[in-house]
C-alpha atoms as a PDB file:
ATOM      1  CA  UNK A   1      39.652  -5.300  -6.302  1.00  0.00           C
ATOM      2  CA  UNK A   2      38.919  -7.315  -3.235  1.00  0.00           C
ATOM      3  CA  UNK A   3      38.769  -4.369  -0.732  1.00  0.00           C
ATOM      4  CA  UNK A   4      36.228  -2.372  -3.478  1.00  0.00           C
ATOM      5  CA  UNK A   5      34.124  -5.674  -3.303  1.00  0.00           C
ATOM      6  CA  UNK A   6      33.644  -5.190   0.457  1.00  0.00           C
ATOM      7  CA  UNK A   7      33.079  -1.639   0.545  1.00  0.00           C
ATOM      8  CA  UNK A   8      30.045  -2.666  -2.175  1.00  0.00           C
ATOM      9  CA  UNK A   9      28.803  -5.356   0.121  1.00  0.00           C
ATOM     10  CA  UNK A  10      28.807  -3.100   3.088  1.00  0.00           C
ATOM     11  CA  UNK A  11      26.946  -0.350   1.475  1.00  0.00           C
ATOM     12  CA  UNK A  12      24.018  -2.630  -0.202  1.00  0.00           C
ATOM     13  CA  UNK A  13      23.944  -4.337   3.195  1.00  0.00           C
ATOM     14  CA  UNK A  14      23.138  -1.315   4.865  1.00  0.00           C
ATOM     15  CA  UNK A  15      20.142  -0.152   2.690  1.00  0.00           C
ATOM     16  CA  UNK A  16      18.898  -3.704   3.183  1.00  0.00           C
ATOM     17  CA  UNK A  17      19.616  -4.350   6.722  1.00  0.00           C
ATOM     18  CA  UNK A  18      20.172  -0.884   8.010  1.00  0.00           C
ATOM     19  CA  UNK A  19      18.747   2.858   8.520  1.00  0.00           C
ATOM     20  CA  UNK A  20      19.150   2.826   4.795  1.00  0.00           C
ATOM     21  CA  UNK A  21      16.512   0.511   3.981  1.00  0.00           C
ATOM     22  CA  UNK A  22      13.606   2.372   5.874  1.00  0.00           C
ATOM     23  CA  UNK A  23      14.468   5.005   3.179  1.00  0.00           C
ATOM     24  CA  UNK A  24      12.875   2.778   0.698  1.00  0.00           C
ATOM     25  CA  UNK A  25       9.045   3.270  -0.541  1.00  0.00           C
ATOM     26  CA  UNK A  26       8.346  -0.285  -0.628  1.00  0.00           C
ATOM     27  CA  UNK A  27      10.469  -1.146   2.274  1.00  0.00           C
ATOM     28  CA  UNK A  28       7.739   0.027   4.938  1.00  0.00           C
ATOM     29  CA  UNK A  29       4.655  -0.652   2.986  1.00  0.00           C
ATOM     30  CA  UNK A  30       3.582  -4.069   4.972  1.00  0.00           C
ATOM     31  CA  UNK A  31      -0.616  -2.574   4.843  1.00  0.00           C
ATOM     32  CA  UNK A  32      -0.231  -1.996   0.664  1.00  0.00           C
ATOM     33  CA  UNK A  33      -0.946   1.078  -0.838  1.00  0.00           C
ATOM     34  CA  UNK A  34      -2.595   3.906   0.650  1.00  0.00           C
ATOM     35  CA  UNK A  35      -3.855   7.357  -0.267  1.00  0.00           C
ATOM     36  CA  UNK A  36      -1.461   9.622  -1.524  1.00  0.00           C
ATOM     37  CA  UNK A  37      -2.333  12.044   2.067  1.00  0.00           C
ATOM     38  CA  UNK A  38      -2.162   9.488   3.985  1.00  0.00           C
ATOM     39  CA  UNK A  39      -6.325   8.769   5.016  1.00  0.00           C
ATOM     40  CA  UNK A  40      -7.527   5.113   4.798  1.00  0.00           C
ATOM     41  CA  UNK A  41     -11.369   4.449   3.975  1.00  0.00           C
ATOM     42  CA  UNK A  42     -13.361   1.501   4.813  1.00  0.00           C
ATOM     43  CA  UNK A  43     -14.533  -0.700   2.308  1.00  0.00           C
ATOM     44  CA  UNK A  44     -18.043   0.368   3.065  1.00  0.00           C
ATOM     45  CA  UNK A  45     -16.778   4.268   2.364  1.00  0.00           C
ATOM     46  CA  UNK A  46     -15.281   3.404  -0.832  1.00  0.00           C
ATOM     47  CA  UNK A  47     -18.484   1.765  -2.467  1.00  0.00           C
ATOM     48  CA  UNK A  48     -20.345   4.785  -1.081  1.00  0.00           C
ATOM     49  CA  UNK A  49     -18.286   7.128  -3.089  1.00  0.00           C
ATOM     50  CA  UNK A  50     -18.371   4.412  -6.214  1.00  0.00           C
ATOM     51  CA  UNK A  51     -22.478   4.036  -6.248  1.00  0.00           C
ATOM     52  CA  UNK A  52     -21.874   8.494  -6.007  1.00  0.00           C
ATOM     53  CA  UNK A  53     -20.334   8.439  -8.794  1.00  0.00           C
ATOM     54  CA  UNK A  54     -22.381   6.202 -10.726  1.00  0.00           C
ATOM     55  CA  UNK A  55     -19.690   3.203 -11.125  1.00  0.00           C
ATOM     56  CA  UNK A  56     -21.884   0.836 -10.322  1.00  0.00           C
ATOM     57  CA  UNK A  57     -25.727   0.379 -10.159  1.00  0.00           C
ATOM     58  CA  UNK A  58     -28.500   0.028  -7.545  1.00  0.00           C
ATOM     59  CA  UNK A  59     -28.164  -3.127  -7.499  1.00  0.00           C
ATOM     60  CA  UNK A  60     -24.395  -3.990  -7.225  1.00  0.00           C
ATOM     61  CA  UNK A  61     -24.504  -1.919  -4.624  1.00  0.00           C
ATOM     62  CA  UNK A  62     -26.295  -3.800  -2.661  1.00  0.00           C
ATOM     63  CA  UNK A  63     -25.253  -6.649  -2.861  1.00  0.00           C
ATOM     64  CA  UNK A  64     -21.202  -5.428  -2.319  1.00  0.00           C
ATOM     65  CA  UNK A  65     -23.443  -3.711   0.812  1.00  0.00           C
ATOM     66  CA  UNK A  66     -24.518  -7.121   1.720  1.00  0.00           C
ATOM     67  CA  UNK A  67     -21.410  -9.089   1.138  1.00  0.00           C
ATOM     68  CA  UNK A  68     -19.486  -6.367   3.094  1.00  0.00           C
ATOM     69  CA  UNK A  69     -22.016  -6.843   6.416  1.00  0.00           C
ATOM     70  CA  UNK A  70     -21.682 -10.554   6.724  1.00  0.00           C
END
């Protein structure tokens, strides 16, 4: 019985601290979620796309743009 517990502990520690942990999706994600294709967009690019899609009004666009530029 103690041998089985030791084996499970070693496996657990391997996945948490060893090479196995780097395969977990949340382990290496220190900057938060990214796009599926790996591209990162700036806040200004996202703002322009939202305005182009009609998700925000011109006034909202201008206000957010000013906030981003300051």
